Full PDB file with SEQRES, HELIX, SHEET, SSBOND, CRYST1, ORIGX, SCALE, CONECT and MASTER records, all heavy atoms in Angstrom:
SEQRES   1 A   39  ALA TYR PHE THR GLU LEU ALA PRO SER ILE ASN ASP GLN          
SEQRES   2 A   39  CYS LEU ASP MET LEU ASP ARG ALA GLU ASN GLU GLU LEU          
SEQRES   3 A   39  ALA THR LYS LEU LYS VAL TYR ALA ARG ILE VAL HIS ALA          
HELIX    1 AA1 TYR A    2  LEU A    6  1                                   5    
HELIX    2 AA2 PRO A    8  ALA A   21  1                                  14    
HELIX    3 AA3 LEU A   26  HIS A   38  1                                  13    
CRYST1    1.000    1.000    1.000  90.00  90.00  90.00 P 1           1          
ORIGX1      1.000000  0.000000  0.000000        0.00000                         
ORIGX2      0.000000  1.000000  0.000000        0.00000                         
ORIGX3      0.000000  0.000000  1.000000        0.00000                         
SCALE1      1.000000  0.000000  0.000000        0.00000                         
SCALE2      0.000000  1.000000  0.000000        0.00000                         
SCALE3      0.000000  0.000000  1.000000        0.00000                         
ATOM      1  N   ALA A   1      95.370 131.917  61.916  1.00  0.00           N  
ATOM      2  CA  ALA A   1      95.500 132.616  63.273  1.00  0.00           C  
ATOM      3  C   ALA A   1      95.482 131.568  64.333  1.00  0.00           C  
ATOM      4  O   ALA A   1      96.332 131.680  65.375  1.00  0.00           O  
ATOM      5  CB  ALA A   1      94.278 133.551  63.505  1.00  0.00           C  
ATOM      6  N   TYR A   2      94.680 130.427  64.201  1.00  0.00           N  
ATOM      7  CA  TYR A   2      94.682 129.369  65.155  1.00  0.00           C  
ATOM      8  C   TYR A   2      96.075 128.764  65.381  1.00  0.00           C  
ATOM      9  O   TYR A   2      96.548 128.641  66.498  1.00  0.00           O  
ATOM     10  CB  TYR A   2      93.595 128.425  64.794  1.00  0.00           C  
ATOM     11  CG  TYR A   2      93.430 127.159  65.648  1.00  0.00           C  
ATOM     12  CD1 TYR A   2      92.904 127.294  66.943  1.00  0.00           C  
ATOM     13  CD2 TYR A   2      93.971 125.995  65.302  1.00  0.00           C  
ATOM     14  CE1 TYR A   2      92.763 126.175  67.745  1.00  0.00           C  
ATOM     15  CE2 TYR A   2      93.847 124.875  66.098  1.00  0.00           C  
ATOM     16  CZ  TYR A   2      93.280 124.983  67.319  1.00  0.00           C  
ATOM     17  OH  TYR A   2      93.188 123.917  68.119  1.00  0.00           O  
ATOM     18  N   PHE A   3      96.713 128.466  64.297  1.00  0.00           N  
ATOM     19  CA  PHE A   3      97.979 127.694  64.398  1.00  0.00           C  
ATOM     20  C   PHE A   3      99.068 128.654  64.755  1.00  0.00           C  
ATOM     21  O   PHE A   3     100.023 128.290  65.445  1.00  0.00           O  
ATOM     22  CB  PHE A   3      98.292 127.050  62.998  1.00  0.00           C  
ATOM     23  CG  PHE A   3      97.532 125.803  62.972  1.00  0.00           C  
ATOM     24  CD1 PHE A   3      96.434 125.753  61.993  1.00  0.00           C  
ATOM     25  CD2 PHE A   3      97.776 124.752  63.758  1.00  0.00           C  
ATOM     26  CE1 PHE A   3      95.733 124.558  61.895  1.00  0.00           C  
ATOM     27  CE2 PHE A   3      97.027 123.634  63.673  1.00  0.00           C  
ATOM     28  CZ  PHE A   3      95.957 123.473  62.772  1.00  0.00           C  
ATOM     29  N   THR A   4      99.045 130.002  64.432  1.00  0.00           N  
ATOM     30  CA  THR A   4     100.141 130.854  64.856  1.00  0.00           C  
ATOM     31  C   THR A   4      99.981 131.091  66.341  1.00  0.00           C  
ATOM     32  O   THR A   4     101.051 131.345  66.939  1.00  0.00           O  
ATOM     33  CB  THR A   4      99.950 132.221  64.034  1.00  0.00           C  
ATOM     34  OG1 THR A   4      98.745 132.835  64.258  1.00  0.00           O  
ATOM     35  CG2 THR A   4     100.332 131.948  62.638  1.00  0.00           C  
ATOM     36  N   GLU A   5      98.903 130.950  66.930  1.00  0.00           N  
ATOM     37  CA  GLU A   5      98.834 131.062  68.301  1.00  0.00           C  
ATOM     38  C   GLU A   5      98.924 129.740  69.034  1.00  0.00           C  
ATOM     39  O   GLU A   5      99.551 129.631  70.052  1.00  0.00           O  
ATOM     40  CB  GLU A   5      97.308 131.644  68.706  1.00  0.00           C  
ATOM     41  CG  GLU A   5      97.041 133.071  68.329  1.00  0.00           C  
ATOM     42  CD  GLU A   5      98.072 133.999  68.950  1.00  0.00           C  
ATOM     43  OE1 GLU A   5      98.400 133.820  70.158  1.00  0.00           O  
ATOM     44  OE2 GLU A   5      98.530 134.894  68.167  1.00  0.00           O  
ATOM     45  N   LEU A   6      98.512 128.684  68.514  1.00  0.00           N  
ATOM     46  CA  LEU A   6      98.610 127.278  69.064  1.00  0.00           C  
ATOM     47  C   LEU A   6     100.019 126.722  68.936  1.00  0.00           C  
ATOM     48  O   LEU A   6     100.558 126.157  70.009  1.00  0.00           O  
ATOM     49  CB  LEU A   6      97.647 126.461  68.319  1.00  0.00           C  
ATOM     50  CG  LEU A   6      97.466 125.015  68.916  1.00  0.00           C  
ATOM     51  CD1 LEU A   6      96.931 125.202  70.403  1.00  0.00           C  
ATOM     52  CD2 LEU A   6      96.540 124.222  68.125  1.00  0.00           C  
ATOM     53  N   ALA A   7     100.684 126.970  67.847  1.00  0.00           N  
ATOM     54  CA  ALA A   7     102.017 126.435  67.724  1.00  0.00           C  
ATOM     55  C   ALA A   7     102.881 127.449  66.962  1.00  0.00           C  
ATOM     56  O   ALA A   7     103.346 127.310  65.945  1.00  0.00           O  
ATOM     57  CB  ALA A   7     101.972 125.216  66.880  1.00  0.00           C  
ATOM     58  N   PRO A   8     103.155 128.571  67.724  1.00  0.00           N  
ATOM     59  CA  PRO A   8     103.906 129.730  67.085  1.00  0.00           C  
ATOM     60  C   PRO A   8     105.353 129.329  66.719  1.00  0.00           C  
ATOM     61  O   PRO A   8     105.763 129.934  65.813  1.00  0.00           O  
ATOM     62  CB  PRO A   8     103.874 130.769  68.176  1.00  0.00           C  
ATOM     63  CG  PRO A   8     103.601 130.055  69.511  1.00  0.00           C  
ATOM     64  CD  PRO A   8     102.742 128.946  69.113  1.00  0.00           C  
ATOM     65  N   SER A   9     105.879 128.530  67.490  1.00  0.00           N  
ATOM     66  CA  SER A   9     107.312 128.061  67.161  1.00  0.00           C  
ATOM     67  C   SER A   9     107.374 127.433  65.760  1.00  0.00           C  
ATOM     68  O   SER A   9     108.375 127.680  64.995  1.00  0.00           O  
ATOM     69  CB  SER A   9     107.999 127.241  68.204  1.00  0.00           C  
ATOM     70  OG  SER A   9     107.411 126.036  68.350  1.00  0.00           O  
ATOM     71  N   ILE A  10     106.439 126.595  65.436  1.00  0.00           N  
ATOM     72  CA  ILE A  10     106.396 125.939  64.135  1.00  0.00           C  
ATOM     73  C   ILE A  10     106.205 126.990  63.043  1.00  0.00           C  
ATOM     74  O   ILE A  10     106.887 126.898  62.071  1.00  0.00           O  
ATOM     75  CB  ILE A  10     105.270 124.863  64.147  1.00  0.00           C  
ATOM     76  CG1 ILE A  10     105.640 123.630  65.096  1.00  0.00           C  
ATOM     77  CG2 ILE A  10     105.075 124.318  62.711  1.00  0.00           C  
ATOM     78  CD1 ILE A  10     104.471 122.699  65.254  1.00  0.00           C  
ATOM     79  N   ASN A  11     105.232 127.767  63.271  1.00  0.00           N  
ATOM     80  CA  ASN A  11     104.936 128.729  62.268  1.00  0.00           C  
ATOM     81  C   ASN A  11     106.091 129.712  62.107  1.00  0.00           C  
ATOM     82  O   ASN A  11     106.479 130.100  60.907  1.00  0.00           O  
ATOM     83  CB  ASN A  11     103.593 129.637  62.687  1.00  0.00           C  
ATOM     84  CG  ASN A  11     103.199 130.446  61.601  1.00  0.00           C  
ATOM     85  OD1 ASN A  11     102.838 130.052  60.552  1.00  0.00           O  
ATOM     86  ND2 ASN A  11     103.316 131.813  61.783  1.00  0.00           N  
ATOM     87  N   ASP A  12     106.788 130.216  63.143  1.00  0.00           N  
ATOM     88  CA  ASP A  12     107.849 131.068  63.019  1.00  0.00           C  
ATOM     89  C   ASP A  12     109.062 130.475  62.299  1.00  0.00           C  
ATOM     90  O   ASP A  12     109.698 131.100  61.508  1.00  0.00           O  
ATOM     91  CB  ASP A  12     108.320 131.566  64.439  1.00  0.00           C  
ATOM     92  CG  ASP A  12     107.315 132.517  65.063  1.00  0.00           C  
ATOM     93  OD1 ASP A  12     106.450 133.017  64.432  1.00  0.00           O  
ATOM     94  OD2 ASP A  12     107.464 132.672  66.380  1.00  0.00           O  
ATOM     95  N   GLN A  13     109.353 129.260  62.678  1.00  0.00           N  
ATOM     96  CA  GLN A  13     110.443 128.563  61.983  1.00  0.00           C  
ATOM     97  C   GLN A  13     110.112 128.341  60.443  1.00  0.00           C  
ATOM     98  O   GLN A  13     110.951 128.524  59.613  1.00  0.00           O  
ATOM     99  CB  GLN A  13     110.608 127.225  62.645  1.00  0.00           C  
ATOM    100  CG  GLN A  13     111.793 126.455  62.130  1.00  0.00           C  
ATOM    101  CD  GLN A  13     112.107 125.057  62.751  1.00  0.00           C  
ATOM    102  OE1 GLN A  13     111.310 124.542  63.417  1.00  0.00           O  
ATOM    103  NE2 GLN A  13     113.127 124.543  62.426  1.00  0.00           N  
ATOM    104  N   CYS A  14     108.912 127.921  60.147  1.00  0.00           N  
ATOM    105  CA  CYS A  14     108.447 127.744  58.819  1.00  0.00           C  
ATOM    106  C   CYS A  14     108.671 129.069  58.027  1.00  0.00           C  
ATOM    107  O   CYS A  14     109.276 129.055  56.909  1.00  0.00           O  
ATOM    108  CB  CYS A  14     107.067 127.315  58.720  1.00  0.00           C  
ATOM    109  SG  CYS A  14     106.517 126.973  57.043  1.00  0.00           S  
ATOM    110  N   LEU A  15     108.107 130.233  58.567  1.00  0.00           N  
ATOM    111  CA  LEU A  15     108.268 131.504  57.883  1.00  0.00           C  
ATOM    112  C   LEU A  15     109.719 131.892  57.657  1.00  0.00           C  
ATOM    113  O   LEU A  15     110.029 132.375  56.549  1.00  0.00           O  
ATOM    114  CB  LEU A  15     107.431 132.556  58.604  1.00  0.00           C  
ATOM    115  CG  LEU A  15     105.871 132.368  58.621  1.00  0.00           C  
ATOM    116  CD1 LEU A  15     105.306 133.505  59.519  1.00  0.00           C  
ATOM    117  CD2 LEU A  15     105.306 132.436  57.206  1.00  0.00           C  
ATOM    118  N   ASP A  16     110.502 131.666  58.661  1.00  0.00           N  
ATOM    119  CA  ASP A  16     111.895 131.905  58.567  1.00  0.00           C  
ATOM    120  C   ASP A  16     112.575 131.191  57.519  1.00  0.00           C  
ATOM    121  O   ASP A  16     113.436 131.698  56.770  1.00  0.00           O  
ATOM    122  CB  ASP A  16     112.612 131.716  59.994  1.00  0.00           C  
ATOM    123  CG  ASP A  16     114.073 132.071  59.951  1.00  0.00           C  
ATOM    124  OD1 ASP A  16     114.389 133.260  59.630  1.00  0.00           O  
ATOM    125  OD2 ASP A  16     114.865 131.219  60.220  1.00  0.00           O  
ATOM    126  N   MET A  17     112.340 129.794  57.408  1.00  0.00           N  
ATOM    127  CA  MET A  17     112.912 129.013  56.456  1.00  0.00           C  
ATOM    128  C   MET A  17     112.482 129.416  54.994  1.00  0.00           C  
ATOM    129  O   MET A  17     113.304 129.436  54.097  1.00  0.00           O  
ATOM    130  CB  MET A  17     112.602 127.549  56.655  1.00  0.00           C  
ATOM    131  CG  MET A  17     113.291 127.006  57.949  1.00  0.00           C  
ATOM    132  SD  MET A  17     112.746 125.390  58.364  1.00  0.00           S  
ATOM    133  CE  MET A  17     113.725 124.392  57.119  1.00  0.00           C  
ATOM    134  N   LEU A  18     111.304 129.817  54.856  1.00  0.00           N  
ATOM    135  CA  LEU A  18     110.714 130.256  53.614  1.00  0.00           C  
ATOM    136  C   LEU A  18     111.446 131.597  53.217  1.00  0.00           C  
ATOM    137  O   LEU A  18     111.839 131.709  51.979  1.00  0.00           O  
ATOM    138  CB  LEU A  18     109.219 130.405  53.570  1.00  0.00           C  
ATOM    139  CG  LEU A  18     108.465 129.176  53.554  1.00  0.00           C  
ATOM    140  CD1 LEU A  18     106.911 129.451  53.830  1.00  0.00           C  
ATOM    141  CD2 LEU A  18     108.575 128.355  52.282  1.00  0.00           C  
ATOM    142  N   ASP A  19     111.604 132.395  54.051  1.00  0.00           N  
ATOM    143  CA  ASP A  19     112.257 133.700  53.794  1.00  0.00           C  
ATOM    144  C   ASP A  19     113.783 133.508  53.410  1.00  0.00           C  
ATOM    145  O   ASP A  19     114.188 134.145  52.424  1.00  0.00           O  
ATOM    146  CB  ASP A  19     112.198 134.690  55.036  1.00  0.00           C  
ATOM    147  CG  ASP A  19     110.862 135.355  55.218  1.00  0.00           C  
ATOM    148  OD1 ASP A  19     110.081 135.305  54.298  1.00  0.00           O  
ATOM    149  OD2 ASP A  19     110.679 135.847  56.394  1.00  0.00           O  
ATOM    150  N   ARG A  20     114.342 132.683  54.126  1.00  0.00           N  
ATOM    151  CA  ARG A  20     115.866 132.404  53.809  1.00  0.00           C  
ATOM    152  C   ARG A  20     116.023 131.634  52.555  1.00  0.00           C  
ATOM    153  O   ARG A  20     117.015 131.658  51.899  1.00  0.00           O  
ATOM    154  CB  ARG A  20     116.489 131.556  54.999  1.00  0.00           C  
ATOM    155  CG  ARG A  20     116.803 132.498  56.215  1.00  0.00           C  
ATOM    156  CD  ARG A  20     117.519 131.797  57.276  1.00  0.00           C  
ATOM    157  NE  ARG A  20     116.618 130.891  57.879  1.00  0.00           N  
ATOM    158  CZ  ARG A  20     117.052 129.666  58.282  1.00  0.00           C  
ATOM    159  NH1 ARG A  20     118.370 129.182  58.142  1.00  0.00           N  
ATOM    160  NH2 ARG A  20     116.209 128.787  58.813  1.00  0.00           N  
ATOM    161  N   ALA A  21     115.011 130.843  52.118  1.00  0.00           N  
ATOM    162  CA  ALA A  21     115.128 130.101  50.880  1.00  0.00           C  
ATOM    163  C   ALA A  21     115.272 131.070  49.676  1.00  0.00           C  
ATOM    164  O   ALA A  21     115.870 130.553  48.696  1.00  0.00           O  
ATOM    165  CB  ALA A  21     113.892 129.285  50.670  1.00  0.00           C  
ATOM    166  N   GLU A  22     114.788 132.196  49.716  1.00  0.00           N  
ATOM    167  CA  GLU A  22     114.767 133.173  48.625  1.00  0.00           C  
ATOM    168  C   GLU A  22     114.465 132.628  47.281  1.00  0.00           C  
ATOM    169  O   GLU A  22     114.980 132.946  46.325  1.00  0.00           O  
ATOM    170  CB  GLU A  22     116.223 133.786  48.631  1.00  0.00           C  
ATOM    171  CG  GLU A  22     116.741 134.509  49.875  1.00  0.00           C  
ATOM    172  CD  GLU A  22     118.033 135.078  49.790  1.00  0.00           C  
ATOM    173  OE1 GLU A  22     118.749 134.874  48.776  1.00  0.00           O  
ATOM    174  OE2 GLU A  22     118.485 135.719  50.766  1.00  0.00           O  
ATOM    175  N   ASN A  23     113.599 131.754  47.356  1.00  0.00           N  
ATOM    176  CA  ASN A  23     113.101 131.094  46.060  1.00  0.00           C  
ATOM    177  C   ASN A  23     111.602 130.697  46.249  1.00  0.00           C  
ATOM    178  O   ASN A  23     111.275 130.019  47.194  1.00  0.00           O  
ATOM    179  CB  ASN A  23     113.903 129.778  45.916  1.00  0.00           C  
ATOM    180  CG  ASN A  23     113.631 129.071  44.585  1.00  0.00           C  
ATOM    181  OD1 ASN A  23     112.547 129.186  44.021  1.00  0.00           O  
ATOM    182  ND2 ASN A  23     114.633 128.374  44.117  1.00  0.00           N  
ATOM    183  N   GLU A  24     110.800 131.175  45.346  1.00  0.00           N  
ATOM    184  CA  GLU A  24     109.359 131.010  45.446  1.00  0.00           C  
ATOM    185  C   GLU A  24     108.855 129.783  44.641  1.00  0.00           C  
ATOM    186  O   GLU A  24     107.659 129.574  44.541  1.00  0.00           O  
ATOM    187  CB  GLU A  24     108.772 132.213  44.894  1.00  0.00           C  
ATOM    188  CG  GLU A  24     108.824 133.477  45.711  1.00  0.00           C  
ATOM    189  CD  GLU A  24     108.172 133.416  47.063  1.00  0.00           C  
ATOM    190  OE1 GLU A  24     106.961 132.840  47.124  1.00  0.00           O  
ATOM    191  OE2 GLU A  24     108.734 133.952  48.083  1.00  0.00           O  
ATOM    192  N   GLU A  25     109.831 128.928  44.139  1.00  0.00           N  
ATOM    193  CA  GLU A  25     109.401 127.768  43.395  1.00  0.00           C  
ATOM    194  C   GLU A  25     108.705 126.766  44.238  1.00  0.00           C  
ATOM    195  O   GLU A  25     109.012 126.633  45.429  1.00  0.00           O  
ATOM    196  CB  GLU A  25     110.642 127.239  42.654  1.00  0.00           C  
ATOM    197  CG  GLU A  25     111.221 128.053  41.538  1.00  0.00           C  
ATOM    198  CD  GLU A  25     112.410 127.435  40.915  1.00  0.00           C  
ATOM    199  OE1 GLU A  25     112.524 126.200  41.036  1.00  0.00           O  
ATOM    200  OE2 GLU A  25     113.120 128.127  40.254  1.00  0.00           O  
ATOM    201  N   LEU A  26     107.761 126.014  43.550  1.00  0.00           N  
ATOM    202  CA  LEU A  26     107.007 124.986  44.272  1.00  0.00           C  
ATOM    203  C   LEU A  26     107.918 123.909  44.974  1.00  0.00           C  
ATOM    204  O   LEU A  26     107.742 123.659  46.131  1.00  0.00           O  
ATOM    205  CB  LEU A  26     106.065 124.314  43.221  1.00  0.00           C  
ATOM    206  CG  LEU A  26     105.428 123.073  43.752  1.00  0.00           C  
ATOM    207  CD1 LEU A  26     104.182 123.485  44.584  1.00  0.00           C  
ATOM    208  CD2 LEU A  26     104.919 122.237  42.614  1.00  0.00           C  
ATOM    209  N   ALA A  27     108.951 123.432  44.163  1.00  0.00           N  
ATOM    210  CA  ALA A  27     109.789 122.383  44.755  1.00  0.00           C  
ATOM    211  C   ALA A  27     110.576 122.893  46.014  1.00  0.00           C  
ATOM    212  O   ALA A  27     110.664 122.181  46.970  1.00  0.00           O  
ATOM    213  CB  ALA A  27     110.780 121.915  43.694  1.00  0.00           C  
ATOM    214  N   THR A  28     110.958 124.178  46.049  1.00  0.00           N  
ATOM    215  CA  THR A  28     111.635 124.801  47.181  1.00  0.00           C  
ATOM    216  C   THR A  28     110.598 124.753  48.361  1.00  0.00           C  
ATOM    217  O   THR A  28     111.156 124.318  49.510  1.00  0.00           O  
ATOM    218  CB  THR A  28     112.216 126.149  46.850  1.00  0.00           C  
ATOM    219  OG1 THR A  28     113.092 126.000  45.783  1.00  0.00           O  
ATOM    220  CG2 THR A  28     112.910 126.751  48.052  1.00  0.00           C  
ATOM    221  N   LYS A  29     109.454 125.293  48.180  1.00  0.00           N  
ATOM    222  CA  LYS A  29     108.587 125.407  49.193  1.00  0.00           C  
ATOM    223  C   LYS A  29     108.173 124.015  49.798  1.00  0.00           C  
ATOM    224  O   LYS A  29     108.215 123.782  51.061  1.00  0.00           O  
ATOM    225  CB  LYS A  29     107.234 126.072  48.813  1.00  0.00           C  
ATOM    226  CG  LYS A  29     107.432 127.504  48.658  1.00  0.00           C  
ATOM    227  CD  LYS A  29     106.146 128.233  48.262  1.00  0.00           C  
ATOM    228  CE  LYS A  29     106.191 129.737  48.219  1.00  0.00           C  
ATOM    229  NZ  LYS A  29     104.999 130.391  47.837  1.00  0.00           N  
ATOM    230  N   LEU A  30     108.071 123.022  48.885  1.00  0.00           N  
ATOM    231  CA  LEU A  30     107.751 121.616  49.455  1.00  0.00           C  
ATOM    232  C   LEU A  30     108.894 121.065  50.302  1.00  0.00           C  
ATOM    233  O   LEU A  30     108.671 120.457  51.239  1.00  0.00           O  
ATOM    234  CB  LEU A  30     107.369 120.678  48.289  1.00  0.00           C  
ATOM    235  CG  LEU A  30     106.215 121.109  47.555  1.00  0.00           C  
ATOM    236  CD1 LEU A  30     105.901 120.099  46.366  1.00  0.00           C  
ATOM    237  CD2 LEU A  30     104.905 121.007  48.377  1.00  0.00           C  
ATOM    238  N   LYS A  31     110.072 121.444  49.910  1.00  0.00           N  
ATOM    239  CA  LYS A  31     111.189 120.826  50.688  1.00  0.00           C  
ATOM    240  C   LYS A  31     111.263 121.588  52.023  1.00  0.00           C  
ATOM    241  O   LYS A  31     111.631 120.972  53.047  1.00  0.00           O  
ATOM    242  CB  LYS A  31     112.534 121.100  49.901  1.00  0.00           C  
ATOM    243  CG  LYS A  31     112.724 120.219  48.715  1.00  0.00           C  
ATOM    244  CD  LYS A  31     113.963 120.605  47.985  1.00  0.00           C  
ATOM    245  CE  LYS A  31     114.121 119.708  46.738  1.00  0.00           C  
ATOM    246  NZ  LYS A  31     115.232 119.949  45.944  1.00  0.00           N  
ATOM    247  N   VAL A  32     111.032 122.860  52.023  1.00  0.00           N  
ATOM    248  CA  VAL A  32     110.916 123.594  53.364  1.00  0.00           C  
ATOM    249  C   VAL A  32     109.842 122.993  54.262  1.00  0.00           C  
ATOM    250  O   VAL A  32     110.053 122.680  55.399  1.00  0.00           O  
ATOM    251  CB  VAL A  32     110.586 125.108  53.114  1.00  0.00           C  
ATOM    252  CG1 VAL A  32     110.271 125.754  54.511  1.00  0.00           C  
ATOM    253  CG2 VAL A  32     111.857 125.761  52.476  1.00  0.00           C  
ATOM    254  N   TYR A  33     108.662 122.660  53.627  1.00  0.00           N  
ATOM    255  CA  TYR A  33     107.514 122.111  54.470  1.00  0.00           C  
ATOM    256  C   TYR A  33     108.102 120.798  55.038  1.00  0.00           C  
ATOM    257  O   TYR A  33     107.586 120.274  56.048  1.00  0.00           O  
ATOM    258  CB  TYR A  33     106.208 121.995  53.661  1.00  0.00           C  
ATOM    259  CG  TYR A  33     105.625 123.404  53.438  1.00  0.00           C  
ATOM    260  CD1 TYR A  33     105.203 123.722  52.195  1.00  0.00           C  
ATOM    261  CD2 TYR A  33     105.578 124.266  54.482  1.00  0.00           C  
ATOM    262  CE1 TYR A  33     104.578 125.045  51.969  1.00  0.00           C  
ATOM    263  CE2 TYR A  33     104.916 125.482  54.314  1.00  0.00           C  
ATOM    264  CZ  TYR A  33     104.399 125.877  53.025  1.00  0.00           C  
ATOM    265  OH  TYR A  33     103.851 127.146  52.924  1.00  0.00           O  
ATOM    266  N   ALA A  34     108.742 119.955  54.069  1.00  0.00           N  
ATOM    267  CA  ALA A  34     109.233 118.585  54.564  1.00  0.00           C  
ATOM    268  C   ALA A  34     110.142 118.759  55.660  1.00  0.00           C  
ATOM    269  O   ALA A  34     110.068 117.949  56.671  1.00  0.00           O  
ATOM    270  CB  ALA A  34     109.881 117.944  53.341  1.00  0.00           C  
ATOM    271  N   ARG A  35     111.111 119.757  55.587  1.00  0.00           N  
ATOM    272  CA  ARG A  35     111.987 119.924  56.786  1.00  0.00           C  
ATOM    273  C   ARG A  35     111.207 120.271  58.146  1.00  0.00           C  
ATOM    274  O   ARG A  35     111.566 119.917  59.168  1.00  0.00           O  
ATOM    275  CB  ARG A  35     113.094 121.002  56.490  1.00  0.00           C  
ATOM    276  CG  ARG A  35     113.975 120.442  55.349  1.00  0.00           C  
ATOM    277  CD  ARG A  35     115.215 121.296  55.173  1.00  0.00           C  
ATOM    278  NE  ARG A  35     115.296 122.657  55.515  1.00  0.00           N  
ATOM    279  CZ  ARG A  35     115.371 123.657  54.525  1.00  0.00           C  
ATOM    280  NH1 ARG A  35     115.500 123.433  53.322  1.00  0.00           N  
ATOM    281  NH2 ARG A  35     115.424 124.904  55.000  1.00  0.00           N  
ATOM    282  N   ILE A  36     110.218 121.176  57.902  1.00  0.00           N  
ATOM    283  CA  ILE A  36     109.346 121.493  59.152  1.00  0.00           C  
ATOM    284  C   ILE A  36     108.685 120.201  59.684  1.00  0.00           C  
ATOM    285  O   ILE A  36     108.667 120.033  60.905  1.00  0.00           O  
ATOM    286  CB  ILE A  36     108.405 122.624  58.713  1.00  0.00           C  
ATOM    287  CG1 ILE A  36     109.040 123.918  58.426  1.00  0.00           C  
ATOM    288  CG2 ILE A  36     107.286 122.709  59.785  1.00  0.00           C  
ATOM    289  CD1 ILE A  36     109.804 124.483  59.598  1.00  0.00           C  
ATOM    290  N   VAL A  37     108.022 119.382  58.773  1.00  0.00           N  
ATOM    291  CA  VAL A  37     107.338 118.223  59.222  1.00  0.00           C  
ATOM    292  C   VAL A  37     108.378 117.289  59.938  1.00  0.00           C  
ATOM    293  O   VAL A  37     108.074 116.711  60.928  1.00  0.00           O  
ATOM    294  CB  VAL A  37     106.733 117.506  58.040  1.00  0.00           C  
ATOM    295  CG1 VAL A  37     106.280 116.159  58.410  1.00  0.00           C  
ATOM    296  CG2 VAL A  37     105.513 118.374  57.520  1.00  0.00           C  
ATOM    297  N   HIS A  38     109.585 117.229  59.324  1.00  0.00           N  
ATOM    298  CA  HIS A  38     110.504 116.258  59.966  1.00  0.00           C  
ATOM    299  C   HIS A  38     110.975 116.936  61.260  1.00  0.00           C  
ATOM    300  O   HIS A  38     110.988 116.112  62.273  1.00  0.00           O  
ATOM    301  CB  HIS A  38     111.789 116.258  59.059  1.00  0.00           C  
ATOM    302  CG  HIS A  38     112.901 115.509  59.481  1.00  0.00           C  
ATOM    303  ND1 HIS A  38     112.914 114.138  59.821  1.00  0.00           N  
ATOM    304  CD2 HIS A  38     114.121 115.986  60.102  1.00  0.00           C  
ATOM    305  CE1 HIS A  38     114.005 113.822  60.342  1.00  0.00           C  
ATOM    306  NE2 HIS A  38     114.804 114.864  60.557  1.00  0.00           N  
ATOM    307  N   ALA A  39     111.238 118.209  61.348  1.00  0.00           N  
ATOM    308  CA  ALA A  39     111.747 118.750  62.632  1.00  0.00           C  
ATOM    309  C   ALA A  39     110.726 118.647  63.815  1.00  0.00           C  
ATOM    310  O   ALA A  39     111.101 118.537  64.946  1.00  0.00           O  
ATOM    311  CB  ALA A  39     112.115 120.215  62.434  1.00  0.00           C  
TER     312      ALA A  39                                                      
MASTER        0    0    0    3    0    0    0    6  311    1    0    3          
END                                                                             
């Protein structure tokens, strides 16, 4: 709750990327998190 309020754009972008990945595998999620950290 703290981060969704504090940095909603980061959270929204992360959730969107995870949804679009359509893959629940660990490696896919880690790559999404890496793209978020990079961005």
